[in-house]
Amino acid sequence: MKDQIPEDVVKDRFDRLLKEVQDISREMAERFTGTEQTVLVEEQNRQMDGYVTGRLSNNHVVHFPGDESLIGKIIKVRLEECRGFYYMGNTV
C-alpha cells in the first residue's frame, strides 16, 4: 500500500540491492577474463575509432580492434579486461 514504508528506507533498500546485483554481475563476468571466446561481431564501435563490438554466446558485450569487414562473422577474441558490464579484448 502507498506510503507504508518511508521513502528514505525504500531508497536505501534499492541502493543496497543494486550494489549487490552489480557485485554479482562483475564477479560472474570476471571469471572469463583472460580466456579466448567466440564472438559474433555486430557493429563498428561508435565511441572508439578502429574498434568493433560483438557479443559472446552468453550475450556479454565485447569491444576490440577491428573494421567493418568483420561484421557478421564469428571470430575468436581474447578477453583482456572486464569493465563491469562489458569486456575489452583482442582478436586471436
N, C-alpha and C. Protein backbone atom coordinates (compact mmCIF):
# COMPACT_ATOMS: atom_id res chain seq x y z
N MET A 1 0.84 -1.18 0.00
CA MET A 1 0.00 0.00 0.00
C MET A 1 0.89 1.25 0.00
N LYS A 2 0.35 2.27 -0.53
CA LYS A 2 1.10 3.52 -0.67
C LYS A 2 1.51 4.08 0.69
N ASP A 3 2.76 4.60 0.73
CA ASP A 3 3.31 5.28 1.90
C ASP A 3 3.44 4.40 3.15
N GLN A 4 3.52 3.09 2.98
CA GLN A 4 3.71 2.21 4.13
C GLN A 4 5.15 2.27 4.64
N ILE A 5 6.09 2.46 3.71
CA ILE A 5 7.50 2.48 4.07
C ILE A 5 8.04 3.86 3.72
N PRO A 6 8.76 4.48 4.61
CA PRO A 6 9.31 5.81 4.34
C PRO A 6 10.22 5.80 3.09
N GLU A 7 10.19 6.89 2.36
CA GLU A 7 10.94 7.00 1.10
C GLU A 7 12.44 6.76 1.29
N ASP A 8 13.02 7.24 2.38
CA ASP A 8 14.45 7.05 2.60
C ASP A 8 14.79 5.57 2.83
N VAL A 9 13.89 4.82 3.43
CA VAL A 9 14.09 3.38 3.61
C VAL A 9 14.01 2.66 2.27
N VAL A 10 13.05 3.05 1.46
CA VAL A 10 12.90 2.47 0.11
C VAL A 10 14.17 2.71 -0.70
N LYS A 11 14.65 3.94 -0.66
CA LYS A 11 15.86 4.30 -1.42
C LYS A 11 17.06 3.51 -0.92
N ASP A 12 17.23 3.40 0.39
CA ASP A 12 18.35 2.65 0.95
C ASP A 12 18.29 1.19 0.53
N ARG A 13 17.13 0.58 0.59
CA ARG A 13 16.98 -0.82 0.20
C ARG A 13 17.29 -1.01 -1.28
N PHE A 14 16.79 -0.09 -2.10
CA PHE A 14 17.04 -0.18 -3.54
C PHE A 14 18.54 -0.06 -3.83
N ASP A 15 19.21 0.90 -3.19
CA ASP A 15 20.64 1.10 -3.41
C ASP A 15 21.45 -0.12 -3.00
N ARG A 16 21.08 -0.74 -1.87
CA ARG A 16 21.79 -1.95 -1.42
C ARG A 16 21.56 -3.10 -2.40
N LEU A 17 20.34 -3.24 -2.89
CA LEU A 17 20.04 -4.29 -3.86
C LEU A 17 20.81 -4.08 -5.16
N LEU A 18 20.83 -2.85 -5.65
CA LEU A 18 21.54 -2.54 -6.88
C LEU A 18 23.03 -2.83 -6.75
N LYS A 19 23.63 -2.47 -5.62
CA LYS A 19 25.05 -2.75 -5.40
C LYS A 19 25.31 -4.25 -5.40
N GLU A 20 24.44 -5.00 -4.77
CA GLU A 20 24.59 -6.47 -4.73
C GLU A 20 24.52 -7.07 -6.14
N VAL A 21 23.57 -6.62 -6.92
CA VAL A 21 23.43 -7.10 -8.30
C VAL A 21 24.68 -6.76 -9.11
N GLN A 22 25.18 -5.55 -8.97
CA GLN A 22 26.39 -5.14 -9.70
C GLN A 22 27.60 -5.96 -9.27
N ASP A 23 27.74 -6.21 -7.98
CA ASP A 23 28.86 -7.01 -7.48
C ASP A 23 28.81 -8.43 -8.02
N ILE A 24 27.64 -9.04 -8.00
CA ILE A 24 27.49 -10.40 -8.51
C ILE A 24 27.75 -10.44 -10.01
N SER A 25 27.24 -9.47 -10.75
CA SER A 25 27.47 -9.41 -12.20
C SER A 25 28.95 -9.29 -12.51
N ARG A 26 29.65 -8.42 -11.79
CA ARG A 26 31.08 -8.23 -12.00
C ARG A 26 31.83 -9.52 -11.69
N GLU A 27 31.48 -10.16 -10.59
CA GLU A 27 32.14 -11.40 -10.20
C GLU A 27 31.93 -12.49 -11.25
N MET A 28 30.72 -12.62 -11.75
CA MET A 28 30.42 -13.62 -12.76
C MET A 28 31.17 -13.32 -14.07
N ALA A 29 31.22 -12.04 -14.43
CA ALA A 29 31.86 -11.66 -15.69
C ALA A 29 33.38 -11.80 -15.61
N GLU A 30 33.97 -11.48 -14.48
CA GLU A 30 35.43 -11.51 -14.35
C GLU A 30 36.01 -12.90 -14.52
N ARG A 31 35.22 -13.91 -14.32
CA ARG A 31 35.76 -15.28 -14.44
C ARG A 31 36.17 -15.61 -15.87
N PHE A 32 35.68 -14.86 -16.85
CA PHE A 32 36.05 -15.10 -18.25
C PHE A 32 37.26 -14.29 -18.69
N THR A 33 37.71 -13.35 -17.86
CA THR A 33 38.86 -12.52 -18.21
C THR A 33 40.09 -13.40 -18.42
N GLY A 34 40.79 -13.15 -19.54
CA GLY A 34 41.98 -13.93 -19.87
C GLY A 34 41.70 -15.16 -20.71
N THR A 35 40.43 -15.42 -21.00
CA THR A 35 40.09 -16.60 -21.81
C THR A 35 39.84 -16.20 -23.26
N GLU A 36 39.88 -17.19 -24.14
CA GLU A 36 39.53 -16.98 -25.54
C GLU A 36 38.09 -17.44 -25.74
N GLN A 37 37.29 -16.58 -26.36
CA GLN A 37 35.88 -16.86 -26.57
C GLN A 37 35.50 -16.57 -28.01
N THR A 38 34.45 -17.23 -28.48
CA THR A 38 33.93 -16.91 -29.81
C THR A 38 32.97 -15.73 -29.67
N VAL A 39 33.07 -14.81 -30.62
CA VAL A 39 32.30 -13.58 -30.58
C VAL A 39 31.63 -13.36 -31.93
N LEU A 40 30.35 -13.01 -31.91
CA LEU A 40 29.65 -12.58 -33.12
C LEU A 40 29.83 -11.08 -33.22
N VAL A 41 30.49 -10.63 -34.29
CA VAL A 41 30.75 -9.20 -34.47
C VAL A 41 29.47 -8.55 -35.00
N GLU A 42 29.00 -7.53 -34.30
CA GLU A 42 27.71 -6.90 -34.64
C GLU A 42 27.82 -5.56 -35.35
N GLU A 43 28.77 -4.72 -34.92
CA GLU A 43 28.82 -3.36 -35.47
C GLU A 43 30.15 -2.69 -35.19
N GLN A 44 30.39 -1.59 -35.89
CA GLN A 44 31.53 -0.75 -35.56
C GLN A 44 31.22 -0.03 -34.26
N ASN A 45 32.22 0.14 -33.43
CA ASN A 45 32.03 0.83 -32.17
C ASN A 45 31.89 2.32 -32.43
N ARG A 46 30.86 2.93 -31.89
CA ARG A 46 30.59 4.34 -32.14
C ARG A 46 31.45 5.28 -31.29
N GLN A 47 31.97 4.80 -30.17
CA GLN A 47 32.77 5.65 -29.29
C GLN A 47 34.27 5.53 -29.53
N MET A 48 34.72 4.40 -30.07
CA MET A 48 36.15 4.17 -30.24
C MET A 48 36.47 3.87 -31.70
N ASP A 49 37.16 4.77 -32.34
CA ASP A 49 37.56 4.55 -33.74
C ASP A 49 38.47 3.33 -33.82
N GLY A 50 38.26 2.53 -34.87
CA GLY A 50 39.09 1.36 -35.08
C GLY A 50 38.69 0.15 -34.26
N TYR A 51 37.55 0.22 -33.59
CA TYR A 51 37.05 -0.89 -32.77
C TYR A 51 35.70 -1.36 -33.29
N VAL A 52 35.43 -2.63 -33.06
CA VAL A 52 34.11 -3.20 -33.34
C VAL A 52 33.53 -3.73 -32.04
N THR A 53 32.23 -4.00 -32.07
CA THR A 53 31.53 -4.52 -30.91
C THR A 53 30.87 -5.84 -31.28
N GLY A 54 30.97 -6.80 -30.39
CA GLY A 54 30.34 -8.08 -30.61
C GLY A 54 29.78 -8.64 -29.32
N ARG A 55 29.22 -9.84 -29.43
CA ARG A 55 28.62 -10.49 -28.26
C ARG A 55 29.09 -11.93 -28.13
N LEU A 56 29.27 -12.31 -26.87
CA LEU A 56 29.56 -13.70 -26.55
C LEU A 56 28.27 -14.51 -26.61
N SER A 57 28.37 -15.82 -26.50
CA SER A 57 27.17 -16.66 -26.51
C SER A 57 26.27 -16.40 -25.30
N ASN A 58 26.84 -15.85 -24.22
CA ASN A 58 26.04 -15.52 -23.03
C ASN A 58 25.51 -14.08 -23.08
N ASN A 59 25.66 -13.43 -24.23
CA ASN A 59 25.14 -12.09 -24.51
C ASN A 59 25.97 -10.96 -23.92
N HIS A 60 27.13 -11.25 -23.34
CA HIS A 60 28.02 -10.19 -22.85
C HIS A 60 28.63 -9.45 -24.04
N VAL A 61 28.83 -8.16 -23.88
CA VAL A 61 29.36 -7.31 -24.94
C VAL A 61 30.88 -7.28 -24.86
N VAL A 62 31.52 -7.28 -26.05
CA VAL A 62 32.98 -7.21 -26.15
C VAL A 62 33.35 -6.15 -27.18
N HIS A 63 34.29 -5.28 -26.82
CA HIS A 63 34.83 -4.28 -27.74
C HIS A 63 36.27 -4.67 -28.03
N PHE A 64 36.66 -4.63 -29.31
CA PHE A 64 38.03 -4.99 -29.67
C PHE A 64 38.39 -4.36 -31.01
N PRO A 65 39.71 -4.22 -31.28
CA PRO A 65 40.13 -3.61 -32.54
C PRO A 65 39.66 -4.42 -33.73
N GLY A 66 39.16 -3.71 -34.75
CA GLY A 66 38.70 -4.37 -35.97
C GLY A 66 38.06 -3.36 -36.89
N ASP A 67 37.66 -3.85 -38.07
CA ASP A 67 36.99 -2.96 -39.02
C ASP A 67 35.68 -3.58 -39.48
N GLU A 68 34.98 -2.86 -40.34
CA GLU A 68 33.64 -3.29 -40.74
C GLU A 68 33.62 -4.61 -41.51
N SER A 69 34.76 -5.07 -42.02
CA SER A 69 34.79 -6.35 -42.73
C SER A 69 34.50 -7.52 -41.80
N LEU A 70 34.62 -7.31 -40.49
CA LEU A 70 34.35 -8.38 -39.52
C LEU A 70 32.88 -8.52 -39.15
N ILE A 71 32.07 -7.52 -39.47
CA ILE A 71 30.66 -7.53 -39.07
C ILE A 71 29.95 -8.74 -39.67
N GLY A 72 29.25 -9.47 -38.79
CA GLY A 72 28.52 -10.67 -39.20
C GLY A 72 29.32 -11.94 -39.06
N LYS A 73 30.60 -11.84 -38.77
CA LYS A 73 31.46 -13.02 -38.64
C LYS A 73 31.57 -13.44 -37.18
N ILE A 74 31.87 -14.71 -37.00
CA ILE A 74 32.13 -15.26 -35.67
C ILE A 74 33.63 -15.50 -35.60
N ILE A 75 34.29 -14.83 -34.64
CA ILE A 75 35.73 -14.92 -34.53
C ILE A 75 36.14 -15.18 -33.08
N LYS A 76 37.39 -15.61 -32.90
CA LYS A 76 37.95 -15.82 -31.57
C LYS A 76 38.53 -14.51 -31.05
N VAL A 77 38.20 -14.20 -29.80
CA VAL A 77 38.70 -12.99 -29.15
C VAL A 77 39.20 -13.36 -27.76
N ARG A 78 40.36 -12.82 -27.41
CA ARG A 78 40.87 -12.99 -26.04
C ARG A 78 40.32 -11.84 -25.21
N LEU A 79 39.65 -12.18 -24.12
CA LEU A 79 39.05 -11.18 -23.24
C LEU A 79 40.12 -10.68 -22.28
N GLU A 80 40.61 -9.48 -22.52
CA GLU A 80 41.74 -8.93 -21.77
C GLU A 80 41.33 -8.26 -20.46
N GLU A 81 40.18 -7.59 -20.47
CA GLU A 81 39.79 -6.81 -19.29
C GLU A 81 38.27 -6.76 -19.15
N CYS A 82 37.80 -6.99 -17.95
CA CYS A 82 36.37 -6.86 -17.66
C CYS A 82 36.14 -5.47 -17.09
N ARG A 83 35.19 -4.76 -17.67
CA ARG A 83 34.86 -3.42 -17.19
C ARG A 83 33.42 -3.38 -16.68
N GLY A 84 33.08 -4.35 -15.91
CA GLY A 84 31.74 -4.40 -15.32
C GLY A 84 30.76 -5.12 -16.21
N PHE A 85 30.13 -4.38 -17.12
CA PHE A 85 29.11 -4.98 -17.97
C PHE A 85 29.59 -5.24 -19.39
N TYR A 86 30.88 -5.06 -19.66
CA TYR A 86 31.42 -5.38 -20.98
C TYR A 86 32.91 -5.71 -20.84
N TYR A 87 33.46 -6.29 -21.92
CA TYR A 87 34.86 -6.65 -21.96
C TYR A 87 35.60 -5.84 -23.01
N MET A 88 36.90 -5.72 -22.81
CA MET A 88 37.81 -5.23 -23.83
C MET A 88 38.65 -6.45 -24.23
N GLY A 89 38.87 -6.62 -25.53
CA GLY A 89 39.61 -7.79 -25.97
C GLY A 89 40.43 -7.54 -27.21
N ASN A 90 41.06 -8.62 -27.70
CA ASN A 90 41.86 -8.61 -28.92
C ASN A 90 41.59 -9.88 -29.69
N THR A 91 41.62 -9.77 -31.01
CA THR A 91 41.41 -10.96 -31.83
C THR A 91 42.57 -11.93 -31.64
N VAL A 92 42.26 -13.20 -31.79
CA VAL A 92 43.27 -14.25 -31.62
C VAL A 92 43.80 -14.64 -32.98
